[in-house]
Amino acid sequence: MKAEAGDELHFYSRLLDQPDRVATVVEVRGDGGEPPYLVRFADGTERLVFPGSDCVLTPHGQ
């Protein structure tokens, strides 16, 4: 997975009672667009993530 700042990561929940989450990539800290990514969720929370198989990247503007 290769991302740029402004792309969105969609984290799909594996639990029925927890909603999916969407975060915006704020900063790419890996080489060549690779993880880890600093992301910001809608509630303002920022986290450093290494996306797994439950995550899909949507390029900025799509």
N, C-alpha and C. Protein backbone atom coordinates (compact mmCIF):
# COMPACT_ATOMS: atom_id res chain seq x y z
N MET A 1 0.85 -1.17 0.00
CA MET A 1 0.00 0.00 0.00
C MET A 1 0.89 1.23 0.00
N LYS A 2 0.58 2.15 -0.91
CA LYS A 2 1.32 3.42 -0.99
C LYS A 2 0.32 4.56 -0.90
N ALA A 3 0.58 5.48 0.00
CA ALA A 3 -0.34 6.59 0.25
C ALA A 3 0.37 7.92 0.14
N GLU A 4 -0.45 8.97 0.04
CA GLU A 4 0.03 10.35 0.08
C GLU A 4 -0.83 11.10 1.07
N ALA A 5 -0.31 12.21 1.58
CA ALA A 5 -1.12 13.04 2.48
C ALA A 5 -2.39 13.46 1.76
N GLY A 6 -3.51 13.36 2.46
CA GLY A 6 -4.81 13.69 1.89
C GLY A 6 -5.61 12.47 1.47
N ASP A 7 -4.96 11.33 1.29
CA ASP A 7 -5.68 10.09 0.98
C ASP A 7 -6.51 9.67 2.19
N GLU A 8 -7.50 8.82 1.95
CA GLU A 8 -8.32 8.32 3.05
C GLU A 8 -8.11 6.83 3.24
N LEU A 9 -8.09 6.43 4.50
CA LEU A 9 -8.03 5.02 4.86
C LEU A 9 -9.37 4.64 5.46
N HIS A 10 -9.98 3.59 4.92
CA HIS A 10 -11.26 3.08 5.43
C HIS A 10 -10.95 1.81 6.22
N PHE A 11 -11.21 1.87 7.51
CA PHE A 11 -10.98 0.74 8.40
C PHE A 11 -12.32 0.03 8.61
N TYR A 12 -12.43 -1.19 8.11
CA TYR A 12 -13.67 -1.95 8.22
C TYR A 12 -13.68 -2.76 9.50
N SER A 13 -14.74 -2.59 10.27
CA SER A 13 -14.86 -3.27 11.55
C SER A 13 -15.14 -4.75 11.34
N ARG A 14 -14.57 -5.56 12.18
CA ARG A 14 -14.84 -7.00 12.16
C ARG A 14 -15.87 -7.38 13.21
N LEU A 15 -16.38 -6.39 13.93
CA LEU A 15 -17.36 -6.63 14.98
C LEU A 15 -18.68 -5.97 14.60
N LEU A 16 -19.78 -6.65 14.85
CA LEU A 16 -21.09 -6.14 14.46
C LEU A 16 -21.48 -4.86 15.16
N ASP A 17 -21.08 -4.70 16.41
CA ASP A 17 -21.51 -3.53 17.18
C ASP A 17 -20.56 -2.33 17.09
N GLN A 18 -19.53 -2.43 16.24
CA GLN A 18 -18.60 -1.31 16.07
C GLN A 18 -18.65 -0.83 14.62
N PRO A 19 -18.81 0.47 14.42
CA PRO A 19 -18.90 0.99 13.06
C PRO A 19 -17.53 1.02 12.36
N ASP A 20 -17.58 1.06 11.04
CA ASP A 20 -16.36 1.27 10.27
C ASP A 20 -15.86 2.68 10.56
N ARG A 21 -14.58 2.92 10.33
CA ARG A 21 -14.00 4.25 10.57
C ARG A 21 -13.23 4.70 9.34
N VAL A 22 -13.22 5.99 9.12
CA VAL A 22 -12.47 6.59 8.01
C VAL A 22 -11.50 7.60 8.61
N ALA A 23 -10.27 7.59 8.10
CA ALA A 23 -9.25 8.52 8.57
C ALA A 23 -8.54 9.13 7.36
N THR A 24 -8.08 10.35 7.53
CA THR A 24 -7.32 11.04 6.49
C THR A 24 -5.84 10.93 6.80
N VAL A 25 -5.05 10.60 5.79
CA VAL A 25 -3.60 10.52 5.97
C VAL A 25 -3.06 11.94 6.11
N VAL A 26 -2.42 12.20 7.24
CA VAL A 26 -1.83 13.50 7.52
C VAL A 26 -0.37 13.53 7.09
N GLU A 27 0.32 12.41 7.34
CA GLU A 27 1.75 12.34 7.05
C GLU A 27 2.14 10.90 6.75
N VAL A 28 2.96 10.73 5.73
CA VAL A 28 3.51 9.42 5.39
C VAL A 28 4.91 9.35 5.99
N ARG A 29 5.15 8.38 6.84
CA ARG A 29 6.46 8.30 7.52
C ARG A 29 7.36 7.21 6.97
N GLY A 30 6.82 6.36 6.09
CA GLY A 30 7.63 5.32 5.47
C GLY A 30 8.25 5.83 4.18
N ASP A 31 9.14 5.05 3.62
CA ASP A 31 9.81 5.40 2.36
C ASP A 31 8.89 5.13 1.18
N GLY A 32 8.83 6.05 0.22
CA GLY A 32 8.11 5.84 -1.02
C GLY A 32 6.61 5.65 -0.86
N GLY A 33 6.01 6.25 0.14
CA GLY A 33 4.57 6.14 0.35
C GLY A 33 4.14 4.95 1.18
N GLU A 34 5.10 4.20 1.68
CA GLU A 34 4.81 3.02 2.49
C GLU A 34 4.48 3.41 3.93
N PRO A 35 3.78 2.53 4.68
CA PRO A 35 3.49 2.79 6.09
C PRO A 35 4.77 2.89 6.90
N PRO A 36 4.69 3.49 8.08
CA PRO A 36 3.48 3.89 8.81
C PRO A 36 2.94 5.24 8.34
N TYR A 37 1.64 5.45 8.65
CA TYR A 37 0.97 6.69 8.31
C TYR A 37 0.44 7.34 9.58
N LEU A 38 0.59 8.64 9.67
CA LEU A 38 -0.07 9.40 10.72
C LEU A 38 -1.43 9.78 10.13
N VAL A 39 -2.51 9.37 10.79
CA VAL A 39 -3.85 9.62 10.28
C VAL A 39 -4.68 10.39 11.29
N ARG A 40 -5.70 11.09 10.78
CA ARG A 40 -6.62 11.84 11.64
C ARG A 40 -8.04 11.35 11.37
N PHE A 41 -8.71 10.95 12.44
CA PHE A 41 -10.09 10.50 12.35
C PHE A 41 -11.03 11.70 12.46
N ALA A 42 -12.31 11.51 12.14
CA ALA A 42 -13.30 12.59 12.13
C ALA A 42 -13.42 13.29 13.49
N ASP A 43 -13.17 12.57 14.58
CA ASP A 43 -13.28 13.16 15.91
C ASP A 43 -12.03 13.95 16.31
N GLY A 44 -11.05 14.04 15.40
CA GLY A 44 -9.83 14.80 15.67
C GLY A 44 -8.69 13.97 16.22
N THR A 45 -8.94 12.74 16.56
CA THR A 45 -7.91 11.84 17.09
C THR A 45 -6.88 11.54 16.01
N GLU A 46 -5.62 11.60 16.36
CA GLU A 46 -4.54 11.24 15.44
C GLU A 46 -3.82 10.02 15.97
N ARG A 47 -3.47 9.12 15.03
CA ARG A 47 -2.77 7.89 15.40
C ARG A 47 -1.78 7.52 14.32
N LEU A 48 -0.75 6.81 14.71
CA LEU A 48 0.21 6.24 13.78
C LEU A 48 -0.27 4.83 13.47
N VAL A 49 -0.47 4.50 12.19
CA VAL A 49 -1.03 3.20 11.84
C VAL A 49 -0.18 2.48 10.80
N PHE A 50 -0.22 1.17 10.88
CA PHE A 50 0.29 0.25 9.88
C PHE A 50 -0.94 -0.50 9.38
N PRO A 51 -1.57 -0.07 8.27
CA PRO A 51 -2.83 -0.67 7.83
C PRO A 51 -2.70 -2.16 7.57
N GLY A 52 -3.76 -2.87 7.92
CA GLY A 52 -3.82 -4.31 7.70
C GLY A 52 -4.83 -4.66 6.63
N SER A 53 -5.24 -5.92 6.62
CA SER A 53 -6.16 -6.42 5.60
C SER A 53 -7.57 -5.88 5.76
N ASP A 54 -7.88 -5.27 6.90
CA ASP A 54 -9.21 -4.70 7.14
C ASP A 54 -9.27 -3.24 6.71
N CYS A 55 -8.31 -2.78 5.92
CA CYS A 55 -8.20 -1.37 5.55
C CYS A 55 -8.08 -1.22 4.05
N VAL A 56 -8.76 -0.19 3.50
CA VAL A 56 -8.70 0.11 2.07
C VAL A 56 -8.29 1.56 1.89
N LEU A 57 -7.39 1.82 0.96
CA LEU A 57 -6.92 3.17 0.68
C LEU A 57 -7.70 3.76 -0.48
N THR A 58 -8.19 5.00 -0.30
CA THR A 58 -8.84 5.74 -1.37
C THR A 58 -8.01 7.00 -1.63
N PRO A 59 -7.46 7.12 -2.85
CA PRO A 59 -6.66 8.30 -3.15
C PRO A 59 -7.47 9.59 -3.03
N HIS A 60 -6.79 10.66 -2.67
CA HIS A 60 -7.40 11.98 -2.51
C HIS A 60 -8.12 12.38 -3.81
N GLY A 61 -9.36 12.84 -3.68
CA GLY A 61 -10.12 13.30 -4.83
C GLY A 61 -10.94 12.25 -5.52
N GLN A 62 -10.96 11.03 -5.01
CA GLN A 62 -11.78 9.98 -5.63
C GLN A 62 -12.93 9.58 -4.76
